[in-house]
Amino acid sequence: MPARENFHSVMRIGPVQIGTHRDRQGWTTHAAVCTADRCGWSADYSSQTAAQLAARTHRCHVR
């Protein structure tokens, strides 16, 4: 059974949401996820600054 993800410090930059959570090893990571339909982009980062930069520069290629 997978561990349940509890996100906190959730913020939104354009269509991208950034949330902070603890991974399976107990490290704090920051996930950036695009919420646009059919985009499917997501990534994990070790710092919130990197996640914010990725969110600001993300461009959806879905038409």
C-alpha atoms as a PDB file:
ATOM      1  CA  MET A   1       0.000   0.000   0.000  1.00  0.00           C
ATOM      2  CA  PRO A   2       1.518   3.367  -0.978  1.00  0.00           C
ATOM      3  CA  ALA A   3       2.137   5.998   1.642  1.00  0.00           C
ATOM      4  CA  ARG A   4      -0.386   8.812   1.804  1.00  0.00           C
ATOM      5  CA  GLU A   5       0.928  12.163   0.597  1.00  0.00           C
ATOM      6  CA  ASN A   6       0.110  15.124   2.833  1.00  0.00           C
ATOM      7  CA  PHE A   7       0.940  18.400   1.135  1.00  0.00           C
ATOM      8  CA  HIS A   8       1.304  21.663   3.001  1.00  0.00           C
ATOM      9  CA  SER A   9       2.444  25.137   1.966  1.00  0.00           C
ATOM     10  CA  VAL A  10       0.531  24.818  -1.291  1.00  0.00           C
ATOM     11  CA  MET A  11       0.828  27.771  -3.674  1.00  0.00           C
ATOM     12  CA  ARG A  12      -0.222  28.413  -7.251  1.00  0.00           C
ATOM     13  CA  ILE A  13       1.744  30.158 -10.018  1.00  0.00           C
ATOM     14  CA  GLY A  14      -0.333  30.308 -13.183  1.00  0.00           C
ATOM     15  CA  PRO A  15      -1.581  26.791 -13.970  1.00  0.00           C
ATOM     16  CA  VAL A  16       1.157  25.196 -11.801  1.00  0.00           C
ATOM     17  CA  GLN A  17       0.630  24.216  -8.179  1.00  0.00           C
ATOM     18  CA  ILE A  18       3.568  23.778  -5.796  1.00  0.00           C
ATOM     19  CA  GLY A  19       3.234  21.727  -2.628  1.00  0.00           C
ATOM     20  CA  THR A  20       5.675  20.725   0.098  1.00  0.00           C
ATOM     21  CA  HIS A  21       5.684  17.169   1.450  1.00  0.00           C
ATOM     22  CA  ARG A  22       7.922  14.535   3.011  1.00  0.00           C
ATOM     23  CA  ASP A  23       9.048  11.672   0.794  1.00  0.00           C
ATOM     24  CA  ARG A  24       9.448   8.023   1.842  1.00  0.00           C
ATOM     25  CA  GLN A  25      12.889   8.671   3.330  1.00  0.00           C
ATOM     26  CA  GLY A  26      11.584  11.560   5.414  1.00  0.00           C
ATOM     27  CA  TRP A  27      13.201  14.311   3.340  1.00  0.00           C
ATOM     28  CA  THR A  28      11.242  17.470   2.619  1.00  0.00           C
ATOM     29  CA  THR A  29      10.613  17.833  -1.112  1.00  0.00           C
ATOM     30  CA  HIS A  30       8.648  20.277  -3.236  1.00  0.00           C
ATOM     31  CA  ALA A  31       6.413  19.043  -6.035  1.00  0.00           C
ATOM     32  CA  ALA A  32       5.396  21.235  -8.972  1.00  0.00           C
ATOM     33  CA  VAL A  33       2.394  20.013 -10.984  1.00  0.00           C
ATOM     34  CA  CYS A  34       0.669  21.595 -13.974  1.00  0.00           C
ATOM     35  CA  THR A  35      -3.115  21.500 -13.597  1.00  0.00           C
ATOM     36  CA  ALA A  36      -3.943  22.259 -17.242  1.00  0.00           C
ATOM     37  CA  ASP A  37      -5.989  19.632 -19.084  1.00  0.00           C
ATOM     38  CA  ARG A  38      -3.866  16.994 -20.865  1.00  0.00           C
ATOM     39  CA  CYS A  39      -0.539  18.575 -19.870  1.00  0.00           C
ATOM     40  CA  GLY A  40       0.718  15.945 -17.428  1.00  0.00           C
ATOM     41  CA  TRP A  41       3.873  17.837 -16.386  1.00  0.00           C
ATOM     42  CA  SER A  42       5.152  17.343 -12.850  1.00  0.00           C
ATOM     43  CA  ALA A  43       8.532  17.370 -11.109  1.00  0.00           C
ATOM     44  CA  ASP A  44      10.045  17.099  -7.623  1.00  0.00           C
ATOM     45  CA  TYR A  45      12.628  19.571  -6.355  1.00  0.00           C
ATOM     46  CA  SER A  46      14.775  19.782  -3.241  1.00  0.00           C
ATOM     47  CA  SER A  47      14.148  23.517  -2.728  1.00  0.00           C
ATOM     48  CA  GLN A  48      11.042  25.642  -3.010  1.00  0.00           C
ATOM     49  CA  THR A  49      12.970  28.255  -4.990  1.00  0.00           C
ATOM     50  CA  ALA A  50      13.738  25.703  -7.710  1.00  0.00           C
ATOM     51  CA  ALA A  51      10.091  24.627  -7.821  1.00  0.00           C
ATOM     52  CA  GLN A  52       8.957  28.243  -8.130  1.00  0.00           C
ATOM     53  CA  LEU A  53      11.433  28.881 -10.956  1.00  0.00           C
ATOM     54  CA  ALA A  54      10.184  25.800 -12.800  1.00  0.00           C
ATOM     55  CA  ALA A  55       6.581  26.931 -12.319  1.00  0.00           C
ATOM     56  CA  ARG A  56       7.319  30.401 -13.683  1.00  0.00           C
ATOM     57  CA  THR A  57       9.119  29.069 -16.766  1.00  0.00           C
ATOM     58  CA  HIS A  58       6.768  26.141 -17.535  1.00  0.00           C
ATOM     59  CA  ARG A  59       4.943  26.385 -20.849  1.00  0.00           C
ATOM     60  CA  CYS A  60       2.209  23.906 -21.756  1.00  0.00           C
ATOM     61  CA  HIS A  61       2.543  22.437 -25.236  1.00  0.00           C
ATOM     62  CA  VAL A  62      -1.042  21.178 -25.307  1.00  0.00           C
ATOM     63  CA  ARG A  63      -3.360  22.710 -27.873  1.00  0.00           C
END
